[in-house]
Amino acid sequence: MLDKLIKYFVYETKGYITKTQLIKFLYLADLYSVKWTGKQLTELEWYYYNYGPWHEDIDAALNKMNGKEIIQESQGNTTLIKLGAEAVSSDYLELPVSLKLVLDNIRREWAGSGQDKLNQLLDYVYSTAPMLEVKDIHKPDEKVLLNLQTEREKLISELGL
């Protein structure tokens, strides 16, 4: 599922997405899935690392697709994820309509260029329950497991269930 989610976000942004945005989009997709269903979309065990959510399998997946479905291009401190020669339409990924709606909401809300848009995305991600639970206690260079269930627990508490 990780590969499909990466491709979906890259294809639907027409290759105008940074690696930082992509990682945050993947985190939000898993987080929202846990929040509403109790289960993640991917098998990733998310970590707080270098100020944000992260997992090494994302790098491995990107490297495997690089030069095919996607192209990673460095521009200064930023890595752009562009469409590769083997990129196809996101329809070929055969994702359920309900999942596409969730992913499209993430993309529409947070995609775009410019530092302001990126800062808004980062502020939002850093204010999620799993991040709040660890970011003030641990140093950025520590690798600390994130508990995505805390977002669901927050929702249940807010609903009074």
N, C-alpha and C. Protein backbone atom coordinates (compact mmCIF):
# COMPACT_ATOMS: atom_id res chain seq x y z
N MET A 1 0.82 -1.20 0.00
CA MET A 1 0.00 0.00 0.00
C MET A 1 0.87 1.26 0.00
N LEU A 2 2.04 1.20 0.62
CA LEU A 2 2.92 2.37 0.65
C LEU A 2 3.24 2.85 -0.76
N ASP A 3 3.62 1.92 -1.63
CA ASP A 3 3.94 2.29 -3.02
C ASP A 3 2.76 2.96 -3.70
N LYS A 4 1.57 2.40 -3.51
CA LYS A 4 0.37 2.98 -4.14
C LYS A 4 0.09 4.38 -3.63
N LEU A 5 0.26 4.60 -2.33
CA LEU A 5 0.01 5.93 -1.77
C LEU A 5 1.03 6.94 -2.29
N ILE A 6 2.28 6.54 -2.37
CA ILE A 6 3.31 7.43 -2.91
C ILE A 6 2.94 7.81 -4.34
N LYS A 7 2.66 6.80 -5.15
CA LYS A 7 2.31 7.06 -6.55
C LYS A 7 1.08 7.94 -6.65
N TYR A 8 0.07 7.67 -5.84
CA TYR A 8 -1.16 8.47 -5.90
C TYR A 8 -0.87 9.94 -5.66
N PHE A 9 -0.15 10.23 -4.57
CA PHE A 9 0.14 11.63 -4.27
C PHE A 9 1.01 12.28 -5.35
N VAL A 10 2.00 11.56 -5.86
CA VAL A 10 2.86 12.14 -6.91
C VAL A 10 2.06 12.34 -8.20
N TYR A 11 1.29 11.33 -8.58
CA TYR A 11 0.50 11.44 -9.81
C TYR A 11 -0.53 12.56 -9.72
N GLU A 12 -1.22 12.64 -8.59
CA GLU A 12 -2.30 13.62 -8.45
C GLU A 12 -1.79 15.05 -8.28
N THR A 13 -0.56 15.22 -7.85
CA THR A 13 0.03 16.56 -7.79
C THR A 13 0.77 16.88 -9.09
N LYS A 14 0.67 15.97 -10.04
CA LYS A 14 1.34 16.11 -11.34
C LYS A 14 2.85 16.25 -11.19
N GLY A 15 3.37 15.65 -10.10
CA GLY A 15 4.80 15.70 -9.87
C GLY A 15 5.30 16.99 -9.27
N TYR A 16 4.40 17.78 -8.73
CA TYR A 16 4.79 19.03 -8.06
C TYR A 16 4.65 18.84 -6.56
N ILE A 17 5.55 18.02 -6.01
CA ILE A 17 5.51 17.72 -4.58
C ILE A 17 6.94 17.54 -4.10
N THR A 18 7.21 18.02 -2.91
CA THR A 18 8.53 17.82 -2.33
C THR A 18 8.51 16.54 -1.49
N LYS A 19 9.68 16.04 -1.22
CA LYS A 19 9.79 14.84 -0.39
C LYS A 19 9.21 15.12 1.00
N THR A 20 9.46 16.30 1.53
CA THR A 20 8.92 16.67 2.84
C THR A 20 7.39 16.62 2.82
N GLN A 21 6.79 17.22 1.79
CA GLN A 21 5.32 17.18 1.69
C GLN A 21 4.83 15.74 1.58
N LEU A 22 5.48 14.96 0.74
CA LEU A 22 5.05 13.59 0.53
C LEU A 22 5.07 12.79 1.83
N ILE A 23 6.14 12.90 2.59
CA ILE A 23 6.23 12.17 3.86
C ILE A 23 5.10 12.61 4.80
N LYS A 24 4.85 13.90 4.85
CA LYS A 24 3.76 14.39 5.73
C LYS A 24 2.40 13.92 5.22
N PHE A 25 2.20 13.89 3.91
CA PHE A 25 0.94 13.39 3.35
C PHE A 25 0.73 11.92 3.72
N LEU A 26 1.79 11.13 3.62
CA LEU A 26 1.70 9.71 3.98
C LEU A 26 1.36 9.54 5.46
N TYR A 27 2.01 10.34 6.29
CA TYR A 27 1.73 10.32 7.72
C TYR A 27 0.25 10.66 7.98
N LEU A 28 -0.23 11.72 7.34
CA LEU A 28 -1.62 12.13 7.55
C LEU A 28 -2.60 11.07 7.05
N ALA A 29 -2.28 10.41 5.96
CA ALA A 29 -3.14 9.34 5.45
C ALA A 29 -3.26 8.22 6.47
N ASP A 30 -2.12 7.80 7.03
CA ASP A 30 -2.15 6.77 8.07
C ASP A 30 -2.86 7.27 9.33
N LEU A 31 -2.57 8.50 9.70
CA LEU A 31 -3.16 9.07 10.91
C LEU A 31 -4.68 9.16 10.80
N TYR A 32 -5.17 9.66 9.68
CA TYR A 32 -6.63 9.78 9.50
C TYR A 32 -7.29 8.41 9.46
N SER A 33 -6.62 7.45 8.85
CA SER A 33 -7.16 6.10 8.81
C SER A 33 -7.29 5.53 10.23
N VAL A 34 -6.26 5.72 11.03
CA VAL A 34 -6.31 5.25 12.42
C VAL A 34 -7.39 6.01 13.19
N LYS A 35 -7.46 7.31 12.96
CA LYS A 35 -8.44 8.15 13.67
C LYS A 35 -9.86 7.65 13.45
N TRP A 36 -10.19 7.29 12.21
CA TRP A 36 -11.57 6.94 11.88
C TRP A 36 -11.87 5.45 11.82
N THR A 37 -10.84 4.61 11.61
CA THR A 37 -11.09 3.17 11.48
C THR A 37 -10.35 2.33 12.52
N GLY A 38 -9.36 2.93 13.18
CA GLY A 38 -8.55 2.17 14.13
C GLY A 38 -7.39 1.44 13.49
N LYS A 39 -7.27 1.50 12.14
CA LYS A 39 -6.21 0.78 11.44
C LYS A 39 -5.46 1.70 10.49
N GLN A 40 -4.16 1.47 10.35
CA GLN A 40 -3.34 2.22 9.40
C GLN A 40 -3.55 1.68 7.99
N LEU A 41 -3.23 2.51 7.02
CA LEU A 41 -3.25 2.09 5.62
C LEU A 41 -1.98 1.33 5.28
N THR A 42 -0.86 1.79 5.84
CA THR A 42 0.44 1.16 5.56
C THR A 42 0.86 0.30 6.74
N GLU A 43 1.95 -0.39 6.54
CA GLU A 43 2.54 -1.22 7.60
C GLU A 43 3.63 -0.45 8.37
N LEU A 44 3.79 0.82 8.08
CA LEU A 44 4.87 1.60 8.68
C LEU A 44 4.68 1.78 10.18
N GLU A 45 5.77 1.63 10.90
CA GLU A 45 5.80 2.06 12.29
C GLU A 45 6.42 3.46 12.26
N TRP A 46 5.59 4.47 12.42
CA TRP A 46 6.05 5.85 12.30
C TRP A 46 6.90 6.24 13.48
N TYR A 47 7.95 7.01 13.19
CA TYR A 47 8.85 7.52 14.21
C TYR A 47 8.89 9.04 14.17
N TYR A 48 9.12 9.62 15.34
CA TYR A 48 9.50 11.02 15.43
C TYR A 48 11.01 11.02 15.23
N TYR A 49 11.47 11.76 14.22
CA TYR A 49 12.90 11.80 13.92
C TYR A 49 13.17 13.04 13.08
N ASN A 50 14.20 13.77 13.43
CA ASN A 50 14.53 15.02 12.74
C ASN A 50 13.32 15.95 12.65
N TYR A 51 12.66 16.14 13.76
CA TYR A 51 11.55 17.08 13.94
C TYR A 51 10.21 16.61 13.42
N GLY A 52 10.12 15.48 12.78
CA GLY A 52 8.83 15.11 12.23
C GLY A 52 8.62 13.62 12.13
N PRO A 53 7.45 13.21 11.60
CA PRO A 53 7.18 11.79 11.40
C PRO A 53 8.05 11.26 10.26
N TRP A 54 8.53 10.04 10.42
CA TRP A 54 9.48 9.49 9.44
C TRP A 54 9.51 7.97 9.53
N HIS A 55 9.89 7.34 8.44
CA HIS A 55 10.20 5.91 8.42
C HIS A 55 11.13 5.63 7.24
N GLU A 56 12.15 4.82 7.48
CA GLU A 56 13.16 4.55 6.45
C GLU A 56 12.59 3.81 5.23
N ASP A 57 11.48 3.10 5.39
CA ASP A 57 10.88 2.39 4.26
C ASP A 57 10.40 3.35 3.17
N ILE A 58 10.10 4.60 3.53
CA ILE A 58 9.69 5.58 2.53
C ILE A 58 10.86 5.86 1.58
N ASP A 59 12.05 6.06 2.15
CA ASP A 59 13.23 6.27 1.31
C ASP A 59 13.49 5.07 0.41
N ALA A 60 13.35 3.87 0.97
CA ALA A 60 13.57 2.66 0.19
C ALA A 60 12.58 2.57 -0.97
N ALA A 61 11.31 2.88 -0.70
CA ALA A 61 10.29 2.84 -1.75
C ALA A 61 10.56 3.88 -2.83
N LEU A 62 10.94 5.09 -2.42
CA LEU A 62 11.25 6.14 -3.38
C LEU A 62 12.45 5.76 -4.24
N ASN A 63 13.47 5.20 -3.62
CA ASN A 63 14.66 4.80 -4.37
C ASN A 63 14.35 3.69 -5.37
N LYS A 64 13.45 2.78 -4.99
CA LYS A 64 13.05 1.69 -5.88
C LYS A 64 12.30 2.21 -7.10
N MET A 65 11.50 3.25 -6.91
CA MET A 65 10.70 3.83 -8.01
C MET A 65 11.48 4.86 -8.82
N ASN A 66 12.58 5.37 -8.26
CA ASN A 66 13.32 6.46 -8.89
C ASN A 66 13.81 6.07 -10.28
N GLY A 67 13.55 6.95 -11.23
CA GLY A 67 13.94 6.69 -12.61
C GLY A 67 12.90 5.91 -13.37
N LYS A 68 11.84 5.49 -12.67
CA LYS A 68 10.76 4.74 -13.32
C LYS A 68 9.47 5.55 -13.19
N GLU A 69 8.69 5.27 -12.13
CA GLU A 69 7.44 5.99 -11.92
C GLU A 69 7.66 7.43 -11.45
N ILE A 70 8.76 7.63 -10.75
CA ILE A 70 9.08 8.96 -10.22
C ILE A 70 10.54 9.31 -10.53
N ILE A 71 10.84 10.58 -10.36
CA ILE A 71 12.22 11.06 -10.44
C ILE A 71 12.45 11.95 -9.23
N GLN A 72 13.48 11.65 -8.47
CA GLN A 72 13.86 12.50 -7.34
C GLN A 72 14.91 13.48 -7.84
N GLU A 73 14.66 14.75 -7.58
CA GLU A 73 15.57 15.79 -8.06
C GLU A 73 15.89 16.74 -6.91
N SER A 74 17.16 16.86 -6.61
CA SER A 74 17.58 17.76 -5.53
C SER A 74 17.72 19.18 -6.05
N GLN A 75 17.17 20.12 -5.28
CA GLN A 75 17.33 21.54 -5.55
C GLN A 75 17.66 22.21 -4.23
N GLY A 76 18.95 22.40 -3.99
CA GLY A 76 19.38 22.94 -2.71
C GLY A 76 19.09 21.95 -1.60
N ASN A 77 18.38 22.40 -0.57
CA ASN A 77 18.02 21.53 0.55
C ASN A 77 16.72 20.77 0.31
N THR A 78 16.11 20.94 -0.84
CA THR A 78 14.80 20.36 -1.13
C THR A 78 14.93 19.25 -2.16
N THR A 79 14.20 18.16 -1.95
CA THR A 79 14.11 17.09 -2.93
C THR A 79 12.72 17.13 -3.54
N LEU A 80 12.67 17.35 -4.85
CA LEU A 80 11.40 17.33 -5.57
C LEU A 80 11.12 15.91 -6.04
N ILE A 81 9.86 15.51 -5.98
CA ILE A 81 9.45 14.21 -6.49
C ILE A 81 8.61 14.48 -7.72
N LYS A 82 9.16 14.16 -8.87
CA LYS A 82 8.49 14.45 -10.15
C LYS A 82 8.00 13.16 -10.80
N LEU A 83 7.19 13.34 -11.83
CA LEU A 83 6.69 12.19 -12.58
C LEU A 83 7.82 11.58 -13.40
N GLY A 84 7.91 10.26 -13.35
CA GLY A 84 8.91 9.55 -14.13
C GLY A 84 8.33 9.06 -15.45
N ALA A 85 9.17 8.48 -16.28
CA ALA A 85 8.76 8.02 -17.61
C ALA A 85 7.70 6.92 -17.54
N GLU A 86 7.70 6.12 -16.46
CA GLU A 86 6.75 5.03 -16.34
C GLU A 86 5.51 5.41 -15.53
N ALA A 87 5.35 6.68 -15.22
CA ALA A 87 4.17 7.14 -14.47
C ALA A 87 2.92 6.92 -15.33
N VAL A 88 1.85 6.51 -14.66
CA VAL A 88 0.57 6.31 -15.34
C VAL A 88 -0.49 7.13 -14.62
N SER A 89 -1.71 6.95 -14.99
CA SER A 89 -2.82 7.62 -14.31
C SER A 89 -3.05 6.96 -12.96
N SER A 90 -3.48 7.73 -11.98
CA SER A 90 -3.76 7.17 -10.66
C SER A 90 -4.91 6.17 -10.71
N ASP A 91 -5.71 6.17 -11.77
CA ASP A 91 -6.80 5.20 -11.91
C ASP A 91 -6.27 3.78 -11.95
N TYR A 92 -5.06 3.59 -12.46
CA TYR A 92 -4.47 2.26 -12.55
C TYR A 92 -4.08 1.69 -11.19
N LEU A 93 -4.10 2.51 -10.17
CA LEU A 93 -3.74 2.05 -8.83
C LEU A 93 -4.89 1.30 -8.17
N GLU A 94 -6.10 1.45 -8.72
CA GLU A 94 -7.29 0.76 -8.25
C GLU A 94 -7.54 0.94 -6.75
N LEU A 95 -7.49 2.18 -6.31
CA LEU A 95 -7.80 2.49 -4.92
C LEU A 95 -9.30 2.69 -4.77
N PRO A 96 -9.86 2.29 -3.63
CA PRO A 96 -11.29 2.50 -3.40
C PRO A 96 -11.63 4.00 -3.42
N VAL A 97 -12.81 4.32 -3.89
CA VAL A 97 -13.26 5.72 -3.99
C VAL A 97 -13.18 6.39 -2.61
N SER A 98 -13.57 5.67 -1.57
CA SER A 98 -13.55 6.26 -0.22
C SER A 98 -12.14 6.66 0.19
N LEU A 99 -11.15 5.86 -0.17
CA LEU A 99 -9.76 6.19 0.14
C LEU A 99 -9.29 7.37 -0.71
N LYS A 100 -9.67 7.39 -1.97
CA LYS A 100 -9.29 8.52 -2.84
C LYS A 100 -9.82 9.84 -2.27
N LEU A 101 -11.02 9.81 -1.72
CA LEU A 101 -11.59 11.03 -1.14
C LEU A 101 -10.74 11.54 0.01
N VAL A 102 -10.30 10.64 0.87
CA VAL A 102 -9.44 11.02 2.00
C VAL A 102 -8.11 11.58 1.49
N LEU A 103 -7.50 10.87 0.55
CA LEU A 103 -6.20 11.29 0.01
C LEU A 103 -6.33 12.62 -0.72
N ASP A 104 -7.42 12.80 -1.45
CA ASP A 104 -7.63 14.06 -2.17
C ASP A 104 -7.83 15.23 -1.21
N ASN A 105 -8.48 14.97 -0.08
CA ASN A 105 -8.65 16.03 0.91
C ASN A 105 -7.30 16.48 1.46
N ILE A 106 -6.42 15.53 1.72
CA ILE A 106 -5.07 15.86 2.19
C ILE A 106 -4.35 16.67 1.12
N ARG A 107 -4.38 16.19 -0.10
CA ARG A 107 -3.68 16.86 -1.21
C ARG A 107 -4.22 18.27 -1.44
N ARG A 108 -5.53 18.41 -1.48
CA ARG A 108 -6.11 19.73 -1.74
C ARG A 108 -5.78 20.73 -0.63
N GLU A 109 -5.79 20.24 0.59
CA GLU A 109 -5.55 21.13 1.73
C GLU A 109 -4.09 21.56 1.82
N TRP A 110 -3.16 20.66 1.51
CA TRP A 110 -1.76 20.91 1.84
C TRP A 110 -0.80 20.97 0.67
N ALA A 111 -1.23 20.63 -0.54
CA ALA A 111 -0.32 20.70 -1.69
C ALA A 111 -0.14 22.15 -2.11
N GLY A 112 0.91 22.39 -2.81
CA GLY A 112 1.18 23.74 -3.29
C GLY A 112 2.61 24.12 -3.00
N SER A 113 3.05 25.13 -3.70
CA SER A 113 4.44 25.57 -3.51
C SER A 113 4.45 26.79 -2.61
N GLY A 114 5.61 27.10 -2.18
CA GLY A 114 5.78 28.28 -1.33
C GLY A 114 6.01 27.89 0.12
N GLN A 115 6.80 28.71 0.78
CA GLN A 115 7.17 28.45 2.16
C GLN A 115 5.97 28.56 3.11
N ASP A 116 5.05 29.46 2.82
CA ASP A 116 3.87 29.61 3.69
C ASP A 116 3.05 28.32 3.72
N LYS A 117 2.82 27.73 2.56
CA LYS A 117 2.03 26.49 2.47
C LYS A 117 2.75 25.37 3.21
N LEU A 118 4.05 25.27 3.04
CA LEU A 118 4.82 24.24 3.72
C LEU A 118 4.78 24.46 5.23
N ASN A 119 4.93 25.69 5.67
CA ASN A 119 4.89 25.99 7.11
C ASN A 119 3.54 25.64 7.71
N GLN A 120 2.46 25.89 6.98
CA GLN A 120 1.12 25.53 7.47
C GLN A 120 1.00 24.02 7.63
N LEU A 121 1.51 23.27 6.65
CA LEU A 121 1.49 21.81 6.72
C LEU A 121 2.29 21.33 7.91
N LEU A 122 3.50 21.86 8.07
CA LEU A 122 4.35 21.43 9.19
C LEU A 122 3.71 21.77 10.54
N ASP A 123 3.15 22.96 10.66
CA ASP A 123 2.48 23.35 11.91
C ASP A 123 1.34 22.38 12.22
N TYR A 124 0.58 22.02 11.19
CA TYR A 124 -0.54 21.10 11.41
C TYR A 124 -0.05 19.72 11.84
N VAL A 125 0.92 19.18 11.12
CA VAL A 125 1.45 17.84 11.44
C VAL A 125 2.03 17.83 12.85
N TYR A 126 2.76 18.88 13.21
CA TYR A 126 3.39 18.93 14.52
C TYR A 126 2.39 19.12 15.65
N SER A 127 1.15 19.50 15.30
CA SER A 127 0.12 19.67 16.33
C SER A 127 -0.77 18.44 16.48
N THR A 128 -0.49 17.37 15.74
CA THR A 128 -1.28 16.15 15.89
C THR A 128 -0.91 15.47 17.21
N ALA A 129 -1.86 14.71 17.74
CA ALA A 129 -1.67 14.09 19.05
C ALA A 129 -0.40 13.24 19.16
N PRO A 130 -0.09 12.38 18.19
CA PRO A 130 1.14 11.59 18.32
C PRO A 130 2.40 12.44 18.40
N MET A 131 2.43 13.52 17.64
CA MET A 131 3.61 14.40 17.65
C MET A 131 3.69 15.18 18.97
N LEU A 132 2.56 15.69 19.43
CA LEU A 132 2.56 16.45 20.69
C LEU A 132 3.03 15.58 21.85
N GLU A 133 2.74 14.30 21.78
CA GLU A 133 3.09 13.37 22.83
C GLU A 133 4.61 13.21 22.99
N VAL A 134 5.37 13.41 21.91
CA VAL A 134 6.81 13.13 21.97
C VAL A 134 7.73 14.31 21.71
N LYS A 135 7.29 15.30 20.95
CA LYS A 135 8.24 16.31 20.44
C LYS A 135 8.86 17.20 21.51
N ASP A 136 8.17 17.44 22.61
CA ASP A 136 8.74 18.28 23.65
C ASP A 136 9.59 17.49 24.65
N ILE A 137 9.48 16.19 24.60
CA ILE A 137 10.20 15.31 25.53
C ILE A 137 11.51 14.80 24.94
N HIS A 138 11.51 14.61 23.63
CA HIS A 138 12.65 13.99 22.96
C HIS A 138 13.39 14.97 22.05
N LYS A 139 14.67 14.72 21.89
CA LYS A 139 15.49 15.53 21.00
C LYS A 139 15.21 15.13 19.55
N PRO A 140 15.37 16.08 18.61
CA PRO A 140 15.08 15.79 17.20
C PRO A 140 15.92 14.65 16.62
N ASP A 141 17.12 14.43 17.13
CA ASP A 141 17.95 13.36 16.58
C ASP A 141 17.66 11.99 17.20
N GLU A 142 16.74 11.95 18.18
CA GLU A 142 16.31 10.67 18.73
C GLU A 142 15.26 10.07 17.81
N LYS A 143 15.25 8.77 17.70
CA LYS A 143 14.25 8.07 16.90
C LYS A 143 13.26 7.45 17.88
N VAL A 144 12.04 8.05 17.94
CA VAL A 144 11.05 7.65 18.93
C VAL A 144 9.77 7.19 18.22
N LEU A 145 9.27 6.04 18.59
CA LEU A 145 8.05 5.49 18.00
C LEU A 145 6.86 6.40 18.28
N LEU A 146 6.07 6.69 17.24
CA LEU A 146 4.85 7.49 17.39
C LEU A 146 3.66 6.55 17.57
N ASN A 147 2.77 6.90 18.47
CA ASN A 147 1.56 6.12 18.71
C ASN A 147 0.39 6.81 18.02
N LEU A 148 0.06 6.36 16.82
CA LEU A 148 -1.02 6.98 16.05
C LEU A 148 -2.38 6.80 16.72
N GLN A 149 -2.50 5.83 17.60
CA GLN A 149 -3.77 5.60 18.29
C GLN A 149 -4.15 6.78 19.20
N THR A 150 -3.16 7.60 19.59
CA THR A 150 -3.49 8.74 20.45
C THR A 150 -4.42 9.72 19.74
N GLU A 151 -4.35 9.78 18.41
CA GLU A 151 -5.26 10.64 17.65
C GLU A 151 -6.68 10.11 17.72
N ARG A 152 -6.84 8.79 17.65
CA ARG A 152 -8.16 8.17 17.78
C ARG A 152 -8.70 8.35 19.19
N GLU A 153 -7.83 8.16 20.18
CA GLU A 153 -8.25 8.34 21.58
C GLU A 153 -8.70 9.76 21.83
N LYS A 154 -8.02 10.73 21.22
CA LYS A 154 -8.41 12.14 21.35
C LYS A 154 -9.81 12.35 20.76
N LEU A 155 -10.05 11.77 19.58
CA LEU A 155 -11.36 11.89 18.94
C LEU A 155 -12.45 11.28 19.80
N ILE A 156 -12.22 10.08 20.31
CA ILE A 156 -13.20 9.40 21.14
C ILE A 156 -13.51 10.20 22.39
N SER A 157 -12.48 10.79 22.98
CA SER A 157 -12.66 11.62 24.15
C SER A 157 -13.48 12.88 23.82
N GLU A 158 -13.16 13.51 22.68
CA GLU A 158 -13.90 14.71 22.26
C GLU A 158 -15.36 14.42 21.98
N LEU A 159 -15.63 13.20 21.47
CA LEU A 159 -17.01 12.81 21.18
C LEU A 159 -17.75 12.33 22.42
N GLY A 160 -17.01 12.12 23.51
CA GLY A 160 -17.61 11.66 24.76
C GLY A 160 -18.07 10.20 24.71
N LEU A 161 -17.37 9.42 23.94
CA LEU A 161 -17.73 7.99 23.82
C LEU A 161 -16.97 7.12 24.78
